[in-house]
Structures are given as C-alpha cells and as structure tokens.
Amino acid sequence: MSTLDALDRALLRLLLDEPRLGVLETSRRLGVARGTTQARLTRLERAGVLRDWAPTVDPAGLGFAVTAFTTLEVHQGRGIRQISEHLRSIPEVLEAHTTSGQGDLLCRIVARDHADLQRVLDAITSTQLVARTSTVISLTNEVPYRVAQLLDGP
C-alpha cells in the first residue's frame, strides 16, 4: 500500500502520538464515524502498514544497558535460513537484516554490560555458520526509530 489519503495519514499520526487511544476516541478526534475508523484500521493492518499493537519496550529499562550492532559474515553455501534460526534462539538478538556489502547480516543486539556482550557474541559465533563478526557498541541513540515524518511524504 503506497498511497495513503489524508484520513489515513491523520489516523496514523494520531496513533503514533497517542497509541493507547481506543477506536471510539480516535474516531471522535478525527471527526469520523467509529465504523470508518475501524474499517481504516483493518485495511491498514491487512496492507501491512500497521504491523502490530504492541507497546514499545526499552531494553535498557529491562536491564540491558548495552546496545551493539554486529555484522556477520556467513560461510558461503550454508544458507541464511539456518543462521536466522540460530539468531532467533538468542534472546538478546533484537533484529537481523541481510545486507549488501562486506557482511551478510547486520544484527542489533543488547546486553547487560560489556562482559555480557561478550557472552552474547560468543553465542552468536558458537555455530559453524558464522565465519567472522565485526561489532560496534552504540554510545547514544541520537535519532530513535521513527516513522511519523514519512507520513508527510517526500
């Protein structure tokens, strides 16, 4: 779904600003019928625009104060599916993306401290699928994950 109308954009902005609003209050604020709001939400979900309704949880608040990014080089011919399954088994791996360039996968990982980061990296490399890793530690998050600005279009 690449085209959003003004109501879609207003609905998404409102949900990004106040994610705990119910459908009734959302429809009141937008000045549309409750059924219209529900239909739009359903359509946006089916189109994959709205991925989930989960709360945003800060890993640091759970005691995982260290965030790092590690690039994995996978032994050729071993398959991304196998390494993906391995990475899913490690709770501290928050996400992993296949990439172009020097590495094959880029992972965002968290740890309780630097010693714990070593444990997480050891878990990642404990498989014969990984040839090499390169890791950088995030010092501060200057631009947190955001999408609201995309609603304004290019």
N, C-alpha and C. Protein backbone atom coordinates (compact mmCIF):
# COMPACT_ATOMS: atom_id res chain seq x y z
N MET A 1 0.86 -1.17 0.00
CA MET A 1 0.00 0.00 0.00
C MET A 1 0.90 1.23 0.00
N SER A 2 0.97 1.89 -1.11
CA SER A 2 1.88 3.02 -1.22
C SER A 2 1.17 4.37 -1.13
N THR A 3 -0.14 4.38 -1.32
CA THR A 3 -0.85 5.65 -1.28
C THR A 3 -1.77 5.70 -0.07
N LEU A 4 -1.59 6.73 0.70
CA LEU A 4 -2.43 6.98 1.87
C LEU A 4 -3.15 8.29 1.64
N ASP A 5 -4.43 8.33 1.97
CA ASP A 5 -5.14 9.60 1.85
C ASP A 5 -4.98 10.40 3.15
N ALA A 6 -5.59 11.58 3.17
CA ALA A 6 -5.44 12.47 4.32
C ALA A 6 -5.96 11.84 5.61
N LEU A 7 -7.06 11.08 5.51
CA LEU A 7 -7.59 10.43 6.72
C LEU A 7 -6.66 9.35 7.22
N ASP A 8 -6.11 8.55 6.32
CA ASP A 8 -5.13 7.53 6.71
C ASP A 8 -3.95 8.17 7.44
N ARG A 9 -3.43 9.26 6.88
CA ARG A 9 -2.28 9.94 7.49
C ARG A 9 -2.64 10.50 8.86
N ALA A 10 -3.80 11.12 8.96
CA ALA A 10 -4.23 11.68 10.24
C ALA A 10 -4.41 10.57 11.28
N LEU A 11 -4.98 9.46 10.86
CA LEU A 11 -5.18 8.32 11.75
C LEU A 11 -3.84 7.79 12.25
N LEU A 12 -2.90 7.60 11.35
CA LEU A 12 -1.58 7.08 11.74
C LEU A 12 -0.84 8.07 12.63
N ARG A 13 -0.89 9.36 12.32
CA ARG A 13 -0.24 10.36 13.18
C ARG A 13 -0.80 10.32 14.59
N LEU A 14 -2.12 10.23 14.69
CA LEU A 14 -2.77 10.19 15.99
C LEU A 14 -2.35 8.95 16.77
N LEU A 15 -2.30 7.82 16.11
CA LEU A 15 -1.89 6.58 16.78
C LEU A 15 -0.41 6.61 17.17
N LEU A 16 0.42 7.24 16.36
CA LEU A 16 1.83 7.35 16.71
C LEU A 16 2.02 8.28 17.91
N ASP A 17 1.22 9.35 17.98
CA ASP A 17 1.31 10.28 19.10
C ASP A 17 0.70 9.73 20.38
N GLU A 18 -0.43 9.01 20.22
CA GLU A 18 -1.16 8.51 21.38
C GLU A 18 -1.61 7.07 21.12
N PRO A 19 -0.70 6.12 21.23
CA PRO A 19 -1.01 4.74 20.84
C PRO A 19 -2.05 4.04 21.72
N ARG A 20 -2.37 4.61 22.86
CA ARG A 20 -3.32 3.94 23.75
C ARG A 20 -4.77 4.36 23.51
N LEU A 21 -5.00 5.22 22.54
CA LEU A 21 -6.37 5.65 22.24
C LEU A 21 -7.20 4.48 21.73
N GLY A 22 -8.44 4.43 22.15
CA GLY A 22 -9.36 3.43 21.63
C GLY A 22 -9.96 3.90 20.32
N VAL A 23 -10.67 3.01 19.66
CA VAL A 23 -11.27 3.33 18.36
C VAL A 23 -12.29 4.45 18.51
N LEU A 24 -13.10 4.41 19.55
CA LEU A 24 -14.14 5.43 19.73
C LEU A 24 -13.52 6.82 19.89
N GLU A 25 -12.52 6.94 20.76
CA GLU A 25 -11.88 8.24 20.97
C GLU A 25 -11.13 8.68 19.71
N THR A 26 -10.53 7.75 19.02
CA THR A 26 -9.84 8.08 17.77
C THR A 26 -10.83 8.64 16.76
N SER A 27 -11.98 8.00 16.62
CA SER A 27 -12.98 8.48 15.66
C SER A 27 -13.50 9.86 16.06
N ARG A 28 -13.67 10.09 17.36
CA ARG A 28 -14.11 11.41 17.82
C ARG A 28 -13.10 12.49 17.46
N ARG A 29 -11.83 12.19 17.71
CA ARG A 29 -10.79 13.19 17.42
C ARG A 29 -10.64 13.46 15.93
N LEU A 30 -10.89 12.45 15.12
CA LEU A 30 -10.76 12.63 13.68
C LEU A 30 -12.05 13.17 13.05
N GLY A 31 -13.14 13.14 13.81
CA GLY A 31 -14.40 13.64 13.30
C GLY A 31 -15.04 12.72 12.26
N VAL A 32 -14.84 11.43 12.42
CA VAL A 32 -15.43 10.45 11.51
C VAL A 32 -16.17 9.39 12.33
N ALA A 33 -16.97 8.59 11.66
CA ALA A 33 -17.73 7.54 12.34
C ALA A 33 -16.78 6.45 12.85
N ARG A 34 -17.22 5.81 13.94
CA ARG A 34 -16.44 4.74 14.53
C ARG A 34 -16.19 3.63 13.51
N GLY A 35 -17.21 3.29 12.73
CA GLY A 35 -17.07 2.26 11.71
C GLY A 35 -16.04 2.61 10.65
N THR A 36 -15.97 3.89 10.30
CA THR A 36 -14.97 4.34 9.33
C THR A 36 -13.56 4.15 9.89
N THR A 37 -13.40 4.54 11.15
CA THR A 37 -12.09 4.37 11.80
C THR A 37 -11.70 2.90 11.85
N GLN A 38 -12.64 2.04 12.27
CA GLN A 38 -12.35 0.61 12.36
C GLN A 38 -12.03 0.03 10.99
N ALA A 39 -12.76 0.44 9.97
CA ALA A 39 -12.50 -0.06 8.62
C ALA A 39 -11.12 0.37 8.14
N ARG A 40 -10.76 1.61 8.42
CA ARG A 40 -9.43 2.10 8.02
C ARG A 40 -8.33 1.32 8.75
N LEU A 41 -8.50 1.10 10.03
CA LEU A 41 -7.51 0.36 10.80
C LEU A 41 -7.35 -1.06 10.25
N THR A 42 -8.46 -1.70 9.95
CA THR A 42 -8.42 -3.06 9.40
C THR A 42 -7.70 -3.07 8.06
N ARG A 43 -8.00 -2.10 7.21
CA ARG A 43 -7.35 -2.03 5.90
C ARG A 43 -5.85 -1.79 6.05
N LEU A 44 -5.47 -0.89 6.97
CA LEU A 44 -4.04 -0.60 7.19
C LEU A 44 -3.31 -1.82 7.76
N GLU A 45 -3.98 -2.58 8.60
CA GLU A 45 -3.38 -3.81 9.12
C GLU A 45 -3.19 -4.84 8.01
N ARG A 46 -4.22 -5.06 7.23
CA ARG A 46 -4.15 -6.05 6.14
C ARG A 46 -3.09 -5.68 5.11
N ALA A 47 -2.90 -4.39 4.89
CA ALA A 47 -1.90 -3.93 3.93
C ALA A 47 -0.49 -3.97 4.50
N GLY A 48 -0.36 -4.26 5.79
CA GLY A 48 0.97 -4.33 6.41
C GLY A 48 1.51 -2.98 6.85
N VAL A 49 0.71 -1.93 6.78
CA VAL A 49 1.15 -0.61 7.24
C VAL A 49 1.23 -0.61 8.76
N LEU A 50 0.20 -1.11 9.41
CA LEU A 50 0.21 -1.29 10.86
C LEU A 50 0.65 -2.72 11.13
N ARG A 51 1.85 -2.87 11.69
CA ARG A 51 2.38 -4.20 11.91
C ARG A 51 1.86 -4.85 13.18
N ASP A 52 1.73 -4.06 14.24
CA ASP A 52 1.27 -4.64 15.50
C ASP A 52 0.75 -3.55 16.42
N TRP A 53 0.25 -3.97 17.55
CA TRP A 53 -0.28 -3.05 18.55
C TRP A 53 0.49 -3.20 19.85
N ALA A 54 1.69 -3.72 19.77
CA ALA A 54 2.49 -3.99 20.96
C ALA A 54 3.06 -2.70 21.54
N PRO A 55 3.25 -2.67 22.85
CA PRO A 55 3.89 -1.50 23.45
C PRO A 55 5.37 -1.45 23.07
N THR A 56 5.93 -0.27 23.10
CA THR A 56 7.36 -0.12 22.85
C THR A 56 8.08 -0.32 24.18
N VAL A 57 8.92 -1.32 24.24
CA VAL A 57 9.63 -1.65 25.47
C VAL A 57 11.10 -1.29 25.28
N ASP A 58 11.65 -0.53 26.20
CA ASP A 58 13.05 -0.13 26.14
C ASP A 58 13.91 -1.21 26.80
N PRO A 59 14.80 -1.85 26.05
CA PRO A 59 15.65 -2.88 26.65
C PRO A 59 16.45 -2.38 27.86
N ALA A 60 16.86 -1.11 27.84
CA ALA A 60 17.61 -0.57 28.99
C ALA A 60 16.76 -0.63 30.26
N GLY A 61 15.46 -0.41 30.12
CA GLY A 61 14.57 -0.49 31.27
C GLY A 61 14.46 -1.90 31.82
N LEU A 62 14.80 -2.89 31.01
CA LEU A 62 14.79 -4.29 31.44
C LEU A 62 16.16 -4.73 31.95
N GLY A 63 17.11 -3.79 31.99
CA GLY A 63 18.45 -4.12 32.48
C GLY A 63 19.47 -4.38 31.39
N PHE A 64 19.10 -4.19 30.13
CA PHE A 64 20.03 -4.40 29.02
C PHE A 64 20.54 -3.03 28.56
N ALA A 65 21.56 -2.53 29.26
CA ALA A 65 22.05 -1.17 29.07
C ALA A 65 22.94 -1.00 27.85
N VAL A 66 23.47 -2.08 27.31
CA VAL A 66 24.40 -2.00 26.18
C VAL A 66 23.68 -2.42 24.90
N THR A 67 23.75 -1.55 23.89
CA THR A 67 23.25 -1.88 22.56
C THR A 67 24.45 -1.92 21.62
N ALA A 68 24.48 -2.92 20.76
CA ALA A 68 25.59 -3.05 19.81
C ALA A 68 25.03 -3.52 18.47
N PHE A 69 25.82 -3.28 17.45
CA PHE A 69 25.49 -3.74 16.11
C PHE A 69 26.64 -4.63 15.65
N THR A 70 26.31 -5.81 15.20
CA THR A 70 27.35 -6.72 14.75
C THR A 70 27.05 -7.17 13.33
N THR A 71 28.08 -7.14 12.51
CA THR A 71 27.98 -7.60 11.14
C THR A 71 28.52 -9.02 11.10
N LEU A 72 27.74 -9.91 10.52
CA LEU A 72 28.16 -11.32 10.42
C LEU A 72 28.52 -11.64 8.98
N GLU A 73 29.63 -12.33 8.82
CA GLU A 73 29.97 -12.92 7.54
C GLU A 73 29.70 -14.41 7.67
N VAL A 74 28.85 -14.91 6.80
CA VAL A 74 28.41 -16.30 6.86
C VAL A 74 29.22 -17.11 5.87
N HIS A 75 29.60 -18.33 6.28
CA HIS A 75 30.29 -19.23 5.35
C HIS A 75 29.40 -19.44 4.14
N GLN A 76 29.95 -19.25 2.97
CA GLN A 76 29.16 -19.36 1.74
C GLN A 76 28.62 -20.78 1.58
N GLY A 77 27.41 -20.83 1.07
CA GLY A 77 26.78 -22.13 0.83
C GLY A 77 26.08 -22.70 2.05
N ARG A 78 26.09 -21.99 3.17
CA ARG A 78 25.48 -22.52 4.38
C ARG A 78 24.02 -22.10 4.56
N GLY A 79 23.61 -21.05 3.89
CA GLY A 79 22.20 -20.67 3.94
C GLY A 79 21.85 -19.70 5.03
N ILE A 80 21.13 -18.66 4.64
CA ILE A 80 20.68 -17.63 5.58
C ILE A 80 19.61 -18.20 6.51
N ARG A 81 18.80 -19.15 6.03
CA ARG A 81 17.74 -19.71 6.87
C ARG A 81 18.31 -20.34 8.14
N GLN A 82 19.38 -21.10 8.00
CA GLN A 82 19.97 -21.76 9.16
C GLN A 82 20.52 -20.75 10.16
N ILE A 83 21.21 -19.73 9.67
CA ILE A 83 21.77 -18.73 10.59
C ILE A 83 20.64 -17.92 11.22
N SER A 84 19.58 -17.66 10.48
CA SER A 84 18.44 -16.93 11.03
C SER A 84 17.81 -17.70 12.18
N GLU A 85 17.66 -19.00 12.01
CA GLU A 85 17.11 -19.84 13.10
C GLU A 85 18.01 -19.78 14.31
N HIS A 86 19.33 -19.84 14.09
CA HIS A 86 20.28 -19.76 15.20
C HIS A 86 20.15 -18.42 15.92
N LEU A 87 20.06 -17.32 15.16
CA LEU A 87 19.96 -16.00 15.77
C LEU A 87 18.65 -15.83 16.54
N ARG A 88 17.57 -16.39 16.03
CA ARG A 88 16.28 -16.32 16.74
C ARG A 88 16.34 -17.02 18.09
N SER A 89 17.23 -17.97 18.24
CA SER A 89 17.34 -18.71 19.51
C SER A 89 18.08 -17.91 20.59
N ILE A 90 18.66 -16.78 20.22
CA ILE A 90 19.41 -15.95 21.18
C ILE A 90 18.54 -14.74 21.53
N PRO A 91 18.02 -14.67 22.75
CA PRO A 91 17.07 -13.60 23.12
C PRO A 91 17.62 -12.19 22.94
N GLU A 92 18.90 -12.00 23.09
CA GLU A 92 19.49 -10.67 23.02
C GLU A 92 19.63 -10.15 21.58
N VAL A 93 19.40 -11.00 20.60
CA VAL A 93 19.39 -10.55 19.20
C VAL A 93 18.02 -9.96 18.94
N LEU A 94 17.95 -8.64 18.82
CA LEU A 94 16.67 -7.96 18.65
C LEU A 94 16.19 -7.99 17.21
N GLU A 95 17.12 -7.89 16.28
CA GLU A 95 16.75 -7.95 14.87
C GLU A 95 17.99 -8.29 14.05
N ALA A 96 17.74 -8.82 12.86
CA ALA A 96 18.83 -9.17 11.95
C ALA A 96 18.35 -8.92 10.53
N HIS A 97 19.20 -8.27 9.76
CA HIS A 97 18.88 -7.91 8.38
C HIS A 97 19.95 -8.47 7.46
N THR A 98 19.53 -9.10 6.35
CA THR A 98 20.52 -9.44 5.33
C THR A 98 20.94 -8.13 4.67
N THR A 99 22.20 -8.04 4.31
CA THR A 99 22.74 -6.79 3.78
C THR A 99 23.58 -7.03 2.54
N SER A 100 23.83 -5.95 1.84
CA SER A 100 24.80 -5.97 0.75
C SER A 100 26.11 -5.42 1.32
N GLY A 101 27.18 -5.59 0.61
CA GLY A 101 28.45 -5.05 1.07
C GLY A 101 29.33 -6.11 1.72
N GLN A 102 30.13 -5.69 2.67
CA GLN A 102 31.12 -6.57 3.30
C GLN A 102 30.51 -7.75 4.04
N GLY A 103 29.46 -7.51 4.80
CA GLY A 103 28.87 -8.58 5.60
C GLY A 103 27.62 -9.15 4.96
N ASP A 104 27.13 -10.21 5.57
CA ASP A 104 25.91 -10.86 5.08
C ASP A 104 24.69 -10.49 5.91
N LEU A 105 24.90 -10.28 7.20
CA LEU A 105 23.82 -9.95 8.12
C LEU A 105 24.26 -8.83 9.06
N LEU A 106 23.33 -7.95 9.38
CA LEU A 106 23.57 -6.91 10.38
C LEU A 106 22.58 -7.15 11.50
N CYS A 107 23.09 -7.30 12.72
CA CYS A 107 22.25 -7.61 13.87
C CYS A 107 22.32 -6.49 14.90
N ARG A 108 21.15 -6.17 15.45
CA ARG A 108 21.12 -5.28 16.62
C ARG A 108 20.96 -6.18 17.82
N ILE A 109 21.88 -6.04 18.76
CA ILE A 109 21.88 -6.89 19.94
C ILE A 109 21.97 -6.04 21.19
N VAL A 110 21.55 -6.61 22.30
CA VAL A 110 21.65 -5.93 23.59
C VAL A 110 22.32 -6.86 24.59
N ALA A 111 22.86 -6.23 25.64
CA ALA A 111 23.50 -6.99 26.72
C ALA A 111 23.40 -6.18 28.00
N ARG A 112 23.61 -6.84 29.11
CA ARG A 112 23.52 -6.17 30.42
C ARG A 112 24.74 -5.27 30.67
N ASP A 113 25.90 -5.70 30.21
CA ASP A 113 27.14 -4.94 30.37
C ASP A 113 28.13 -5.48 29.34
N HIS A 114 29.36 -4.98 29.38
CA HIS A 114 30.33 -5.40 28.36
C HIS A 114 30.71 -6.88 28.47
N ALA A 115 30.79 -7.38 29.67
CA ALA A 115 31.09 -8.81 29.83
C ALA A 115 29.95 -9.65 29.27
N ASP A 116 28.73 -9.21 29.50
CA ASP A 116 27.57 -9.92 28.97
C ASP A 116 27.53 -9.83 27.44
N LEU A 117 27.99 -8.70 26.90
CA LEU A 117 28.07 -8.56 25.45
C LEU A 117 28.99 -9.63 24.87
N GLN A 118 30.09 -9.90 25.54
CA GLN A 118 30.99 -10.95 25.07
C GLN A 118 30.28 -12.30 25.06
N ARG A 119 29.48 -12.56 26.09
CA ARG A 119 28.72 -13.81 26.14
C ARG A 119 27.75 -13.91 24.96
N VAL A 120 27.07 -12.81 24.65
CA VAL A 120 26.12 -12.80 23.53
C VAL A 120 26.86 -13.03 22.21
N LEU A 121 27.99 -12.37 22.04
CA LEU A 121 28.77 -12.55 20.81
C LEU A 121 29.28 -13.99 20.71
N ASP A 122 29.68 -14.57 21.84
CA ASP A 122 30.11 -15.97 21.83
C ASP A 122 28.96 -16.89 21.42
N ALA A 123 27.75 -16.57 21.87
CA ALA A 123 26.59 -17.37 21.49
C ALA A 123 26.33 -17.25 19.99
N ILE A 124 26.47 -16.03 19.47
CA ILE A 124 26.24 -15.81 18.03
C ILE A 124 27.25 -16.60 17.20
N THR A 125 28.49 -16.61 17.62
CA THR A 125 29.56 -17.27 16.85
C THR A 125 29.75 -18.74 17.23
N SER A 126 28.88 -19.27 18.08
CA SER A 126 29.02 -20.66 18.51
C SER A 126 28.67 -21.66 17.42
N THR A 127 28.17 -21.20 16.32
CA THR A 127 27.81 -22.06 15.21
C THR A 127 28.90 -22.02 14.14
N GLN A 128 29.02 -23.08 13.40
CA GLN A 128 29.99 -23.14 12.30
C GLN A 128 29.53 -22.33 11.09
N LEU A 129 28.32 -21.76 11.18
CA LEU A 129 27.78 -20.99 10.07
C LEU A 129 28.45 -19.62 9.94
N VAL A 130 28.94 -19.07 11.05
CA VAL A 130 29.50 -17.72 11.06
C VAL A 130 31.01 -17.79 10.85
N ALA A 131 31.48 -17.10 9.83
CA ALA A 131 32.91 -17.06 9.54
C ALA A 131 33.60 -15.97 10.35
N ARG A 132 32.94 -14.81 10.48
CA ARG A 132 33.59 -13.65 11.11
C ARG A 132 32.52 -12.67 11.54
N THR A 133 32.84 -11.90 12.58
CA THR A 133 31.94 -10.82 13.01
C THR A 133 32.73 -9.54 13.18
N SER A 134 32.02 -8.44 13.10
CA SER A 134 32.58 -7.13 13.40
C SER A 134 31.51 -6.39 14.20
N THR A 135 31.87 -5.90 15.38
CA THR A 135 30.89 -5.33 16.29
C THR A 135 31.24 -3.91 16.67
N VAL A 136 30.22 -3.06 16.70
CA VAL A 136 30.37 -1.70 17.22
C VAL A 136 29.35 -1.52 18.34
N ILE A 137 29.75 -0.78 19.36
CA ILE A 137 28.88 -0.52 20.51
C ILE A 137 28.26 0.86 20.33
N SER A 138 26.96 0.92 20.53
CA SER A 138 26.25 2.20 20.45
C SER A 138 26.50 2.98 21.74
N LEU A 139 26.94 4.22 21.61
CA LEU A 139 27.17 5.06 22.78
C LEU A 139 25.91 5.82 23.16
N THR A 140 25.25 6.42 22.18
CA THR A 140 23.96 7.09 22.40
C THR A 140 23.10 6.91 21.16
N ASN A 141 21.81 7.04 21.35
CA ASN A 141 20.86 6.93 20.25
C ASN A 141 20.42 8.34 19.89
N GLU A 142 21.05 8.92 18.90
CA GLU A 142 20.79 10.31 18.52
C GLU A 142 19.48 10.50 17.75
N VAL A 143 19.08 9.49 16.97
CA VAL A 143 17.82 9.56 16.23
C VAL A 143 17.10 8.23 16.47
N PRO A 144 16.21 8.18 17.45
CA PRO A 144 15.49 6.93 17.71
C PRO A 144 14.63 6.53 16.51
N TYR A 145 14.28 5.27 16.46
CA TYR A 145 13.42 4.76 15.39
C TYR A 145 12.19 5.65 15.29
N ARG A 146 11.88 6.04 14.07
CA ARG A 146 10.77 6.96 13.85
C ARG A 146 10.18 6.73 12.47
N VAL A 147 8.90 6.99 12.33
CA VAL A 147 8.27 6.87 11.03
C VAL A 147 7.27 7.99 10.75
N ALA A 148 6.88 8.76 11.76
CA ALA A 148 5.86 9.79 11.60
C ALA A 148 6.21 10.77 10.48
N GLN A 149 7.47 11.10 10.33
CA GLN A 149 7.88 12.07 9.30
C GLN A 149 7.63 11.55 7.89
N LEU A 150 7.52 10.24 7.72
CA LEU A 150 7.25 9.66 6.41
C LEU A 150 5.82 9.92 5.96
N LEU A 151 4.95 10.21 6.90
CA LEU A 151 3.54 10.47 6.56
C LEU A 151 3.37 11.77 5.81
N ASP A 152 4.36 12.67 5.93
CA ASP A 152 4.29 13.95 5.23
C ASP A 152 4.71 13.82 3.78
N GLY A 153 5.30 12.68 3.42
CA GLY A 153 5.71 12.44 2.04
C GLY A 153 6.97 13.19 1.65
N PRO A 154 7.55 12.82 0.51
CA PRO A 154 8.78 13.48 0.07
C PRO A 154 8.55 14.90 -0.42
